[in-house]
């Protein structure tokens, strides 16, 4: 999300001509811009810069005037469309559209139709806004600049008042944080009690067969990169090495490990990064045909690998078998300790580092950071959202039919039977006030426990599990009460040109909504 900045225009043209030389104490400088048929001004001292319309990330549950968030050289910049603020008709942005970036303690961008000029105005030509009938909301104006012709007027925008009105600060943040901490502790304790006899697995598909790794061994799931660097004198199933956040990661093909026919790699392939050994210091990326879902299963459904199969070929890499859907669905649980030799993987990395290819693989300027957080990333409409991986109990497919419950909140899609448990399901698009779509195979239900109530949320697509350095995570701008409660942080991945909205799972439903969900199923 790049932005192209430009200096504040110095030419003097348009409705407010220069006034000549005036005493400094009696003059003020303004940036003038056009909006529909009106002209507005903001104090030059408040203008940080003027940029072209950037790429934006739209934020649900935000004020109508907010276009979204943009990346301004690593800073999260809220973008407000002044046409919406003043009730003007919406128009398409064009080459003349500009964003005036103001400094209001934090940067905020105002979308305007086009720029006019910079003027120096005698204080005698500035009249208070409440003395003049205007075509716009005078509450957002501090005054008017009278033109020399006696008729033209330029309205002076009260930027501070606009920010206060559109992005009002919600009181009680400390109380809310304390409440969230207590609720989060209770939720974790309840989840721990429920998980005593359960295991979590990350399942994936290779050649039509479903396999899984225990979730504690999965560090993250990433897209298959465009470039994989081959390392000479390695086994055939080793595809090479890739760079993942400034460290070299050996990449292996599960298909080739199992002696299955090779296929052309596509965007559907995913790399599951698993840790080897107790300390997790060695990792390996395993290429899968596709990642399926996160399973939460009762240990009674997991059986040791039959003795006759627990040796030889790929079967020696299997740890156990999980029988789901009354035995109709078999998931083979892989044993990383049998599959990969940590010394061999470290040797592949050492060879790559010592060869000439190391300079091609390293990314200059930054190193690994131990200060990271792990998130499950999903999509709604065209935007990306993230939730802490610790909050995700499981991820399942959306069934063909959900049982509708009458007299429930509009965002509750219905309930499903999840292994004998009735699970209320919420349409996350509807919850965020987004346009609905038809059900499709990419959609998933993400299951969380919120204030003791296990609840599913339908999302468009679960894309990956990723580790995000803490240094790129910033507080989200305070846009609305609901948004501030649910979306408190933003991951600004500048190099990838991605901005991920990070959700507080415990705040996806308030106490009253939780009560309605809990009593309607």
Protein backbone atom coordinates (compact mmCIF):
# COMPACT_ATOMS: atom_id res chain seq x y z
CA UNK A 1 0.00 0.00 0.00
CA UNK A 2 2.29 2.74 -1.24
CA UNK A 3 1.48 6.40 -1.13
CA UNK A 4 2.91 9.13 -3.30
CA UNK A 5 3.32 12.38 -1.40
CA UNK A 6 3.65 15.83 -2.81
CA UNK A 7 4.44 19.21 -1.30
CA UNK A 8 1.57 21.50 -0.43
CA UNK A 9 0.87 23.39 -3.67
CA UNK A 10 2.36 26.86 -3.62
CA UNK A 11 0.60 28.33 -6.61
CA UNK A 12 -2.10 30.92 -5.93
CA UNK A 13 -5.15 30.38 -8.10
CA UNK A 14 -8.87 29.87 -7.58
CA UNK A 15 -11.47 31.60 -5.46
CA UNK A 16 -9.15 33.25 -2.91
CA UNK A 17 -6.54 35.49 -4.51
CA UNK A 18 -3.42 36.57 -2.62
CA UNK A 19 -3.91 39.56 -0.41
CA UNK A 20 -0.45 41.00 -0.59
CA UNK A 21 1.78 41.72 2.35
CA UNK A 22 0.15 41.80 5.79
CA UNK A 23 1.67 41.93 9.27
CA UNK A 24 2.61 38.42 10.47
CA UNK A 25 0.56 38.72 13.64
CA UNK A 26 -2.54 39.56 11.63
CA UNK A 27 -2.17 36.85 8.95
CA UNK A 28 -2.79 33.14 8.79
CA UNK A 29 -1.86 30.57 6.14
CA UNK A 30 -4.36 28.07 4.80
CA UNK A 31 -4.41 25.14 2.37
CA UNK A 32 -7.44 25.47 0.07
CA UNK A 33 -9.21 22.55 -1.62
CA UNK A 34 -12.42 21.84 -3.54
CA UNK A 35 -15.27 19.61 -2.42
CA UNK A 36 -18.28 19.36 -4.74
CA UNK A 37 -19.18 23.01 -5.49
CA UNK A 38 -17.67 24.37 -2.30
CA UNK A 39 -14.18 25.45 -1.26
CA UNK A 40 -12.70 24.58 2.11
CA UNK A 41 -9.55 25.51 3.99
CA UNK A 42 -7.44 23.97 6.71
CA UNK A 43 -4.69 25.70 8.62
CA UNK A 44 -1.33 25.08 6.94
CA UNK A 45 0.22 24.37 10.33
CA UNK A 46 -2.07 21.32 10.69
CA UNK A 47 -1.17 19.85 7.26
CA UNK A 48 1.47 17.13 7.42
CA UNK A 49 1.49 16.34 3.68
CA UNK A 50 -0.77 15.81 0.66
CA UNK A 51 -0.78 12.43 -1.09
CA UNK A 52 -2.58 10.69 -3.91
CA UNK A 53 -5.38 8.27 -3.06
CA UNK A 54 -3.64 5.17 -1.61
CA UNK A 55 -4.78 1.56 -1.50
CA UNK A 56 -6.99 1.09 1.51
CA UNK A 57 -8.18 -1.66 3.85
CA UNK A 58 -11.85 -1.29 4.75
CA UNK A 59 -12.73 -1.65 8.42
CA UNK A 60 -16.11 -3.07 9.52
CA UNK A 61 -18.18 -1.40 12.23
CA UNK A 62 -16.53 1.96 11.51
CA UNK A 63 -18.15 5.36 10.85
CA UNK A 64 -19.74 5.70 7.36
CA UNK A 65 -17.32 8.46 6.43
CA UNK A 66 -14.27 6.24 6.95
CA UNK A 67 -12.92 4.97 3.63
CA UNK A 68 -10.53 2.65 5.44
CA UNK A 69 -6.93 2.38 6.62
CA UNK A 70 -3.84 2.97 4.51
CA UNK A 71 -0.13 2.44 4.99
CA UNK A 72 1.79 5.71 5.20
CA UNK A 73 5.44 4.70 5.38
CA UNK A 74 4.77 2.17 8.14
CA UNK A 75 2.11 4.25 9.91
CA UNK A 76 -1.55 3.18 9.91
CA UNK A 77 -3.45 6.12 8.40
CA UNK A 78 -7.26 6.44 8.77
CA UNK A 79 -8.77 7.87 5.57
CA UNK A 80 -11.98 9.94 5.87
CA UNK A 81 -14.08 10.95 2.86
CA UNK A 82 -15.22 14.51 3.46
CA UNK A 83 -18.09 14.09 0.98
CA UNK A 84 -19.65 11.59 3.38
CA UNK A 85 -18.94 13.82 6.35
CA UNK A 86 -20.83 16.73 4.79
CA UNK A 87 -23.55 14.65 3.13
CA UNK A 88 -22.43 15.34 -0.44
CA UNK A 89 -23.07 12.82 -3.23
CA UNK A 90 -20.41 10.16 -3.63
CA UNK A 91 -18.20 10.28 -6.72
CA UNK A 92 -15.51 8.03 -8.15
CA UNK A 93 -11.96 8.96 -7.28
CA UNK A 94 -9.91 10.25 -10.22
CA UNK A 95 -6.47 11.70 -10.95
CA UNK A 96 -7.42 14.92 -9.20
CA UNK A 97 -8.42 13.23 -5.94
CA UNK A 98 -6.04 13.95 -3.10
CA UNK A 99 -5.72 13.03 0.56
CA UNK A 100 -4.81 15.87 2.89
CA UNK A 101 -2.91 14.34 5.81
CA UNK A 102 -3.42 16.28 9.02
CA UNK A 103 -1.51 16.01 12.28
CA UNK A 104 -4.05 15.63 15.07
CA UNK A 105 -1.76 13.98 17.59
CA UNK A 106 -1.84 11.09 15.11
CA UNK A 107 -2.10 11.38 11.31
CA UNK A 108 -5.53 11.37 9.68
CA UNK A 109 -6.24 11.69 5.95
CA UNK A 110 -9.11 13.69 4.43
CA UNK A 111 -10.21 12.79 0.89
CA UNK A 112 -10.89 15.90 -1.21
CA UNK A 113 -11.91 16.37 -4.85
CA UNK A 114 -8.90 18.45 -5.86
CA UNK A 115 -6.40 20.91 -4.46
CA UNK A 116 -6.51 24.67 -5.11
CA UNK A 117 -3.73 26.68 -3.51
CA UNK A 118 -2.05 27.99 -0.37
CA UNK A 119 -3.04 31.46 0.75
CA UNK A 120 -2.01 33.96 3.38
CA UNK A 121 -5.11 35.63 4.77
CA UNK A 122 -5.50 38.85 6.76
CA UNK A 123 -7.37 38.18 10.00
CA UNK A 124 -9.85 40.90 9.01
CA UNK A 125 -11.10 38.71 6.15
CA UNK A 126 -11.97 35.79 8.47
CA UNK A 127 -15.50 35.74 9.82
CA UNK A 128 -16.97 33.38 12.40
CA UNK A 129 -18.94 30.48 10.92
CA UNK A 130 -22.01 30.99 13.10
CA UNK A 131 -22.64 34.40 11.57
CA UNK A 132 -23.07 33.06 8.04
CA UNK A 133 -25.62 30.68 6.57
CA UNK A 134 -23.72 27.82 4.95
CA UNK A 135 -24.69 24.85 2.84
CA UNK A 136 -22.82 22.47 5.15
CA UNK A 137 -22.69 21.57 8.83
CA UNK A 138 -21.26 24.67 10.51
CA UNK A 139 -20.40 22.63 13.62
CA UNK A 140 -17.35 21.45 11.69
CA UNK A 141 -16.28 24.96 10.72
CA UNK A 142 -14.29 27.57 12.63
CA UNK A 143 -14.95 30.42 10.24
CA UNK A 144 -15.15 31.75 6.70
CA UNK A 145 -12.61 33.47 4.49
CA UNK A 146 -14.27 36.30 2.58
CA UNK A 147 -13.23 36.74 -1.04
CA UNK A 148 -12.20 40.09 -2.47
CA UNK A 149 -15.28 40.07 -4.70
CA UNK A 150 -17.47 40.23 -1.60
CA UNK A 151 -19.41 37.13 -2.63
CA UNK A 152 -17.10 34.09 -2.70
CA UNK A 153 -16.48 32.29 0.56
CA UNK A 154 -14.05 29.61 1.68
CA UNK A 155 -15.09 27.58 4.71
CA UNK A 156 -12.39 26.92 7.31
CA UNK A 157 -12.58 23.33 8.50
CA UNK A 158 -12.32 22.58 12.21
CA UNK A 159 -10.13 19.50 11.89
CA UNK A 160 -9.98 18.83 15.61
CA UNK A 161 -13.78 18.87 15.89
CA UNK A 162 -14.09 16.55 12.88
CA UNK A 163 -11.73 14.05 14.49
CA UNK A 164 -13.60 14.26 17.79
CA UNK A 165 -16.95 13.69 16.10
CA UNK A 166 -15.93 10.91 13.70
CA UNK A 167 -13.49 9.13 16.01
CA UNK A 168 -14.73 9.88 19.49
CA UNK A 169 -12.62 8.38 22.25
CA UNK A 170 -14.55 5.84 24.29
CA UNK A 171 -14.18 6.16 28.06
CA UNK A 172 -13.33 3.31 30.34
CA UNK A 173 -10.48 1.76 28.36
CA UNK A 174 -8.63 0.69 31.48
CA UNK A 175 -11.77 -0.92 32.89
CA UNK A 176 -12.43 -2.70 29.62
CA UNK A 177 -8.87 -4.03 29.50
CA UNK A 178 -9.10 -5.28 33.06
CA UNK A 179 -12.45 -6.94 32.34
CA UNK A 180 -11.05 -8.53 29.20
CA UNK A 181 -8.05 -9.87 31.10
CA UNK A 182 -10.31 -11.50 33.72
CA UNK A 183 -12.64 -12.90 31.07
CA UNK A 184 -9.71 -14.12 29.01
CA UNK A 185 -8.30 -15.92 32.04
CA UNK A 186 -11.65 -17.56 32.76
CA UNK A 187 -12.02 -18.61 29.13
CA UNK A 188 -8.56 -20.14 29.03
CA UNK A 189 -9.21 -22.03 32.26
CA UNK A 190 -12.49 -23.42 30.90
CA UNK A 191 -10.88 -24.34 27.61
CA UNK A 192 -8.06 -26.13 29.46
CA UNK A 193 -10.58 -28.18 31.43
CA UNK A 194 -12.43 -29.14 28.25
CA UNK A 195 -9.21 -30.01 26.43
CA UNK A 196 -7.92 -32.58 28.93
CA UNK A 197 -9.27 -35.48 26.86
CA UNK A 198 -8.95 -33.79 23.49
CA UNK A 199 -6.23 -33.26 20.91
CA UNK A 200 -5.97 -30.62 18.21
CA UNK A 201 -4.74 -31.51 14.75
CA UNK A 202 -3.98 -29.55 11.59
CA UNK A 203 -5.25 -31.69 8.72
CA UNK A 204 -4.25 -31.52 5.07
CA UNK A 205 -4.62 -33.51 1.88
CA UNK A 206 -1.99 -35.26 -0.22
CA UNK A 207 -3.08 -37.28 -3.28
CA UNK A 208 -6.64 -37.44 -1.97
CA UNK A 209 -5.64 -38.84 1.42
CA UNK A 210 -6.12 -36.86 4.63
CA UNK A 211 -3.18 -36.52 7.01
CA UNK A 212 -2.57 -34.40 10.09
CA UNK A 213 0.12 -33.04 12.38
CA UNK A 214 -0.52 -32.38 16.09
CA UNK A 215 -1.10 -28.65 16.33
CA UNK A 216 1.66 -28.16 18.89
CA UNK A 217 4.18 -29.25 16.23
CA UNK A 218 2.85 -26.79 13.62
CA UNK A 219 4.59 -23.43 13.80
CA UNK A 220 2.71 -21.83 10.92
CA UNK A 221 1.21 -22.38 7.48
CA UNK A 222 2.42 -20.20 4.61
CA UNK A 223 1.97 -19.85 0.88
CA UNK A 224 4.35 -21.73 -1.37
CA UNK A 225 6.90 -19.13 -2.52
CA UNK A 226 7.55 -18.49 -6.18
CA UNK A 227 11.24 -19.33 -5.88
CA UNK A 228 12.80 -22.36 -4.18
CA UNK A 229 16.60 -22.61 -4.21
CA UNK A 230 17.89 -26.10 -4.95
CA UNK A 231 20.63 -27.55 -2.75
CA UNK A 232 22.95 -30.10 -4.41
CA UNK A 233 23.50 -33.57 -3.01
CA UNK A 234 20.21 -33.80 -1.13
CA UNK A 235 17.55 -36.56 -1.19
CA UNK A 236 14.96 -36.39 -3.95
CA UNK A 237 12.13 -35.37 -1.65
CA UNK A 238 14.05 -32.24 -0.59
CA UNK A 239 12.88 -29.47 -2.91
CA UNK A 240 15.46 -26.98 -1.64
CA UNK A 241 15.50 -24.10 0.80
CA UNK A 242 13.43 -20.93 1.10
CA UNK A 243 13.77 -17.79 3.17
CA UNK A 244 11.17 -17.37 5.88
CA UNK A 245 11.67 -14.16 7.90
CA UNK A 246 15.43 -14.10 7.42
CA UNK A 247 16.08 -17.73 8.21
CA UNK A 248 16.66 -20.57 5.82
CA UNK A 249 14.01 -23.28 5.86
CA UNK A 250 14.47 -26.68 4.19
CA UNK A 251 11.48 -27.56 2.02
CA UNK A 252 10.35 -31.14 1.43
CA UNK A 253 7.60 -32.69 -0.68
CA UNK A 254 5.33 -35.11 1.16
CA UNK A 255 4.27 -36.59 -2.17
CA UNK A 256 7.85 -37.53 -3.02
CA UNK A 257 8.54 -38.77 0.50
CA UNK A 258 5.62 -41.18 0.12
CA UNK A 259 6.57 -42.19 -3.42
CA UNK A 260 3.43 -40.67 -4.93
CA UNK A 261 3.27 -39.23 -8.46
CA UNK A 262 4.65 -35.71 -8.69
CA UNK A 263 2.30 -32.95 -9.82
CA UNK A 264 2.83 -29.35 -10.84
CA UNK A 265 2.82 -27.02 -7.84
CA UNK A 266 0.14 -24.29 -7.81
CA UNK A 267 -1.25 -21.60 -5.54
CA UNK A 268 -3.37 -24.29 -3.86
CA UNK A 269 -0.24 -25.89 -2.38
CA UNK A 270 0.61 -24.82 1.15
CA UNK A 271 3.74 -25.13 3.25
CA UNK A 272 3.18 -26.47 6.76
CA UNK A 273 6.14 -25.44 8.93
CA UNK A 274 6.71 -28.04 11.65
CA UNK A 275 9.22 -28.09 14.49
CA UNK A 276 11.59 -30.98 15.12
CA UNK A 277 12.81 -32.04 18.54
CA UNK A 278 11.67 -30.98 21.98
CA UNK A 279 13.26 -27.53 21.83
CA UNK A 280 11.75 -26.70 18.42
CA UNK A 281 15.03 -25.10 17.30
CA UNK A 282 14.94 -26.95 13.96
CA UNK A 283 12.09 -26.50 11.52
CA UNK A 284 11.14 -27.93 8.15
CA UNK A 285 8.57 -26.84 5.61
CA UNK A 286 6.35 -29.64 4.29
CA UNK A 287 4.57 -29.03 0.97
CA UNK A 288 0.97 -30.25 0.94
CA UNK A 289 -1.59 -30.39 -1.85
CA UNK A 290 -3.91 -28.31 0.33
CA UNK A 291 -4.58 -27.58 3.99
CA UNK A 292 -8.01 -28.73 5.11
CA UNK A 293 -8.92 -27.67 8.64
CA UNK A 294 -8.06 -27.58 12.32
CA UNK A 295 -9.62 -30.53 14.16
CA UNK A 296 -10.44 -30.82 17.82
CA UNK A 297 -10.93 -34.52 18.52
CA UNK A 298 -11.60 -36.74 21.48
CA UNK A 299 -8.66 -38.99 22.26
CA UNK A 300 -11.01 -42.00 22.29
CA UNK A 301 -11.18 -41.60 18.48
CA UNK A 302 -7.40 -41.95 18.08
CA UNK A 303 -5.96 -45.46 17.71
CA UNK A 304 -2.33 -46.57 17.52
CA UNK A 305 -1.13 -47.60 14.09
CA UNK A 306 -1.75 -51.33 13.56
CA UNK A 307 1.44 -53.34 14.10
CA UNK A 308 1.46 -54.73 10.56
CA UNK A 309 1.45 -51.20 9.15
CA UNK A 310 3.79 -49.59 11.64
CA UNK A 311 6.88 -50.25 9.57
CA UNK A 312 8.21 -49.82 6.11
CA UNK A 313 7.36 -47.33 3.33
CA UNK A 314 5.37 -44.26 4.28
CA UNK A 315 3.45 -46.21 6.92
CA UNK A 316 6.46 -45.97 9.18
CA UNK A 317 5.92 -42.22 9.26
CA UNK A 318 2.42 -42.62 10.66
CA UNK A 319 1.91 -42.23 14.39
CA UNK A 320 -1.76 -43.10 14.75
CA UNK A 321 -5.15 -43.17 13.03
CA UNK A 322 -8.10 -40.95 13.86
CA UNK A 323 -11.54 -42.32 12.97
CA UNK A 324 -14.19 -39.64 12.42
CA UNK A 325 -17.81 -39.70 11.23
CA UNK A 326 -18.39 -43.19 12.66
CA UNK A 327 -15.28 -44.51 10.96
CA UNK A 328 -16.16 -43.23 7.48
CA UNK A 329 -13.39 -40.62 7.61
CA UNK A 330 -9.84 -41.70 8.42
CA UNK A 331 -7.13 -39.17 9.23
CA UNK A 332 -3.55 -40.45 9.43
CA UNK A 333 -1.54 -38.63 12.10
CA UNK A 334 2.09 -38.19 11.07
CA UNK A 335 5.12 -38.55 13.34
CA UNK A 336 7.63 -35.79 12.64
CA UNK A 337 10.30 -37.55 14.71
CA UNK A 338 10.19 -40.55 12.35
CA UNK A 339 9.84 -38.55 9.16
CA UNK A 340 12.66 -36.07 9.54
CA UNK A 341 16.15 -36.16 10.92
CA UNK A 342 16.98 -32.85 12.59
CA UNK A 343 20.70 -33.22 11.88
CA UNK A 344 20.01 -33.85 8.20
CA UNK A 345 17.78 -30.76 7.98
CA UNK A 346 20.36 -28.60 9.77
CA UNK A 347 23.00 -29.95 7.38
CA UNK A 348 20.95 -28.83 4.36
CA UNK A 349 20.68 -25.34 5.82
CA UNK A 350 24.42 -25.25 6.59
CA UNK A 351 25.26 -26.22 3.01
CA UNK A 352 23.00 -23.49 1.69
CA UNK A 353 24.48 -20.90 4.04
CA UNK A 354 28.06 -21.79 3.16
CA UNK A 355 27.46 -21.68 -0.59
CA UNK A 356 27.13 -18.72 -2.92
CA UNK A 357 23.35 -19.05 -2.79
CA UNK A 358 23.22 -17.64 0.74
CA UNK A 359 23.45 -14.06 -0.53
CA UNK A 360 20.44 -14.66 -2.77
CA UNK A 361 18.35 -16.00 0.09
CA UNK A 362 19.02 -13.47 2.82
CA UNK A 363 16.95 -10.34 3.13
CA UNK A 364 19.08 -7.37 4.06
CA UNK A 365 18.36 -5.03 6.92
CA UNK A 366 16.39 -7.11 9.38
CA UNK A 367 16.90 -10.20 11.47
CA UNK A 368 14.73 -12.72 13.18
CA UNK A 369 12.83 -11.52 16.20
CA UNK A 370 11.86 -13.75 19.06
CA UNK A 371 9.11 -11.27 19.88
CA UNK A 372 6.37 -12.63 17.63
CA UNK A 373 2.73 -13.59 17.86
CA UNK A 374 1.02 -16.39 15.96
CA UNK A 375 -2.28 -15.78 14.19
CA UNK A 376 -4.78 -17.66 12.06
CA UNK A 377 -5.52 -15.40 9.10
CA UNK A 378 -8.87 -15.45 7.32
CA UNK A 379 -10.68 -13.35 4.73
CA UNK A 380 -13.99 -11.49 4.68
CA UNK A 381 -14.79 -9.76 1.39
CA UNK A 382 -11.44 -8.38 0.20
CA UNK A 383 -9.87 -7.84 3.62
CA UNK A 384 -7.69 -9.98 5.87
CA UNK A 385 -8.32 -10.57 9.56
CA UNK A 386 -6.30 -12.40 12.18
CA UNK A 387 -7.07 -14.11 15.48
CA UNK A 388 -4.62 -15.50 17.99
CA UNK A 389 -4.01 -19.17 17.27
CA UNK A 390 -4.55 -19.92 20.95
CA UNK A 391 -8.15 -18.74 20.65
CA UNK A 392 -9.01 -21.06 17.74
CA UNK A 393 -10.47 -24.31 19.02
CA UNK A 394 -11.04 -25.80 15.59
CA UNK A 395 -11.91 -24.98 12.00
CA UNK A 396 -14.56 -27.02 10.19
CA UNK A 397 -16.38 -26.95 6.89
CA UNK A 398 -19.79 -25.31 6.60
CA UNK A 399 -22.41 -28.07 6.36
CA UNK A 400 -24.96 -28.10 3.55
CA UNK A 401 -27.75 -27.23 5.97
CA UNK A 402 -27.97 -25.39 9.27
CA UNK A 403 -30.94 -25.57 11.58
CA UNK A 404 -32.58 -22.15 11.80
CA UNK A 405 -33.69 -20.93 15.22
CA UNK A 406 -36.60 -18.44 15.30
CA UNK A 407 -36.43 -15.15 17.21
CA UNK A 408 -32.65 -15.00 17.31
CA UNK A 409 -30.41 -12.02 16.49
CA UNK A 410 -30.12 -11.38 12.76
CA UNK A 411 -26.47 -12.43 12.62
CA UNK A 412 -27.09 -15.96 13.96
CA UNK A 413 -27.19 -18.28 10.97
CA UNK A 414 -28.43 -21.28 12.94
CA UNK A 415 -27.00 -24.28 14.78
CA UNK A 416 -25.14 -27.40 13.72
CA UNK A 417 -24.41 -30.76 15.33
CA UNK A 418 -20.67 -30.88 15.88
CA UNK A 419 -19.84 -34.37 17.11
CA UNK A 420 -22.89 -34.53 19.32
CA UNK A 421 -22.67 -30.94 20.56
CA UNK A 422 -25.11 -28.27 19.39
CA UNK A 423 -23.00 -25.37 18.11
CA UNK A 424 -24.53 -21.94 17.42
CA UNK A 425 -23.13 -20.47 14.19
CA UNK A 426 -22.80 -16.77 13.40
CA UNK A 427 -22.43 -15.29 9.93
CA UNK A 428 -19.40 -13.05 10.40
CA UNK A 429 -20.23 -10.99 7.32
CA UNK A 430 -23.65 -10.20 8.74
CA UNK A 431 -22.13 -9.52 12.16
CA UNK A 432 -19.87 -6.90 10.58
CA UNK A 433 -22.62 -5.43 8.41
CA UNK A 434 -21.02 -6.65 5.17
CA UNK A 435 -22.78 -7.84 2.03
CA UNK A 436 -23.87 -11.50 2.04
CA UNK A 437 -22.61 -14.12 -0.41
CA UNK A 438 -23.80 -17.55 -1.47
CA UNK A 439 -22.37 -20.54 0.35
CA UNK A 440 -19.26 -21.98 -1.31
CA UNK A 441 -16.59 -24.62 -0.69
CA UNK A 442 -14.00 -22.10 0.48
CA UNK A 443 -16.00 -20.95 3.48
CA UNK A 444 -15.14 -22.31 6.92
CA UNK A 445 -16.52 -22.19 10.46
CA UNK A 446 -13.97 -21.00 13.03
CA UNK A 447 -14.89 -22.22 16.53
CA UNK A 448 -14.12 -20.08 19.58
CA UNK A 449 -15.22 -20.10 23.22
CA UNK A 450 -16.54 -16.67 24.20
CA UNK A 451 -17.42 -16.09 27.84
CA UNK A 452 -17.93 -19.82 28.29
CA UNK A 453 -20.13 -20.30 25.21
CA UNK A 454 -18.68 -22.32 22.33
CA UNK A 455 -19.60 -20.49 19.12
CA UNK A 456 -18.83 -20.88 15.42
CA UNK A 457 -18.20 -17.99 13.02
CA UNK A 458 -18.54 -18.38 9.24
CA UNK A 459 -15.69 -16.72 7.32
CA UNK A 460 -15.02 -16.52 3.58
CA UNK A 461 -11.75 -18.41 3.68
CA UNK A 462 -9.05 -19.44 6.16
CA UNK A 463 -5.84 -18.58 4.34
CA UNK A 464 -2.86 -19.30 6.59
CA UNK A 465 -1.28 -19.53 10.01
CA UNK A 466 1.50 -17.00 10.37
CA UNK A 467 3.88 -15.53 12.90
CA UNK A 468 3.84 -11.74 12.96
CA UNK A 469 6.67 -9.73 14.55
CA UNK A 470 5.49 -7.56 17.41
CA UNK A 471 7.26 -4.55 15.90
CA UNK A 472 4.76 -4.36 13.01
CA UNK A 473 1.67 -4.62 15.24
CA UNK A 474 0.14 -1.26 16.09
CA UNK A 475 -2.96 -0.13 17.99
CA UNK A 476 -5.92 0.31 15.66
CA UNK A 477 -7.34 3.83 15.37
CA UNK A 478 -10.40 4.42 17.55
CA UNK A 479 -13.09 4.56 14.88
CA UNK A 480 -16.27 3.47 16.69
CA UNK A 481 -17.27 1.85 19.96
CA UNK A 482 -17.91 -1.58 18.41
CA UNK A 483 -14.81 -1.46 16.24
CA UNK A 484 -12.67 -0.38 19.17
CA UNK A 485 -13.97 -3.30 21.20
CA UNK A 486 -13.38 -5.95 18.51
CA UNK A 487 -10.48 -4.63 16.41
CA UNK A 488 -7.86 -3.23 18.74
CA UNK A 489 -4.71 -3.87 16.74
CA UNK A 490 -3.48 -3.83 13.15
CA UNK A 491 -0.55 -5.75 11.64
CA UNK A 492 1.02 -3.47 9.03
CA UNK A 493 3.16 -5.74 6.81
CA UNK A 494 4.69 -3.02 4.70
CA UNK A 495 7.04 -5.18 2.61
CA UNK A 496 4.20 -7.55 1.69
CA UNK A 497 1.81 -4.64 1.10
CA UNK A 498 -0.66 -6.25 3.50
CA UNK A 499 -2.61 -4.89 6.42
CA UNK A 500 -4.26 -7.46 8.72
CA UNK A 501 -6.97 -6.42 11.17
CA UNK A 502 -6.43 -8.33 14.43
CA UNK A 503 -9.61 -9.34 16.26
CA UNK A 504 -10.16 -9.74 19.99
CA UNK A 505 -12.03 -13.05 20.06
CA UNK A 506 -13.49 -12.49 23.54
CA UNK A 507 -15.10 -9.29 22.25
CA UNK A 508 -16.76 -10.68 19.12
CA UNK A 509 -19.96 -10.92 21.19
CA UNK A 510 -20.91 -8.72 24.11
CA UNK A 511 -22.42 -10.11 27.30
CA UNK A 512 -26.02 -9.59 26.16
CA UNK A 513 -25.33 -11.21 22.79
CA UNK A 514 -23.64 -14.17 24.47
CA UNK A 515 -26.72 -14.64 26.64
CA UNK A 516 -28.96 -14.67 23.57
CA UNK A 517 -26.72 -17.15 21.78
CA UNK A 518 -26.49 -19.39 24.85
CA UNK A 519 -30.26 -19.50 25.44
CA UNK A 520 -31.34 -19.98 21.80
CA UNK A 521 -29.83 -23.38 21.16
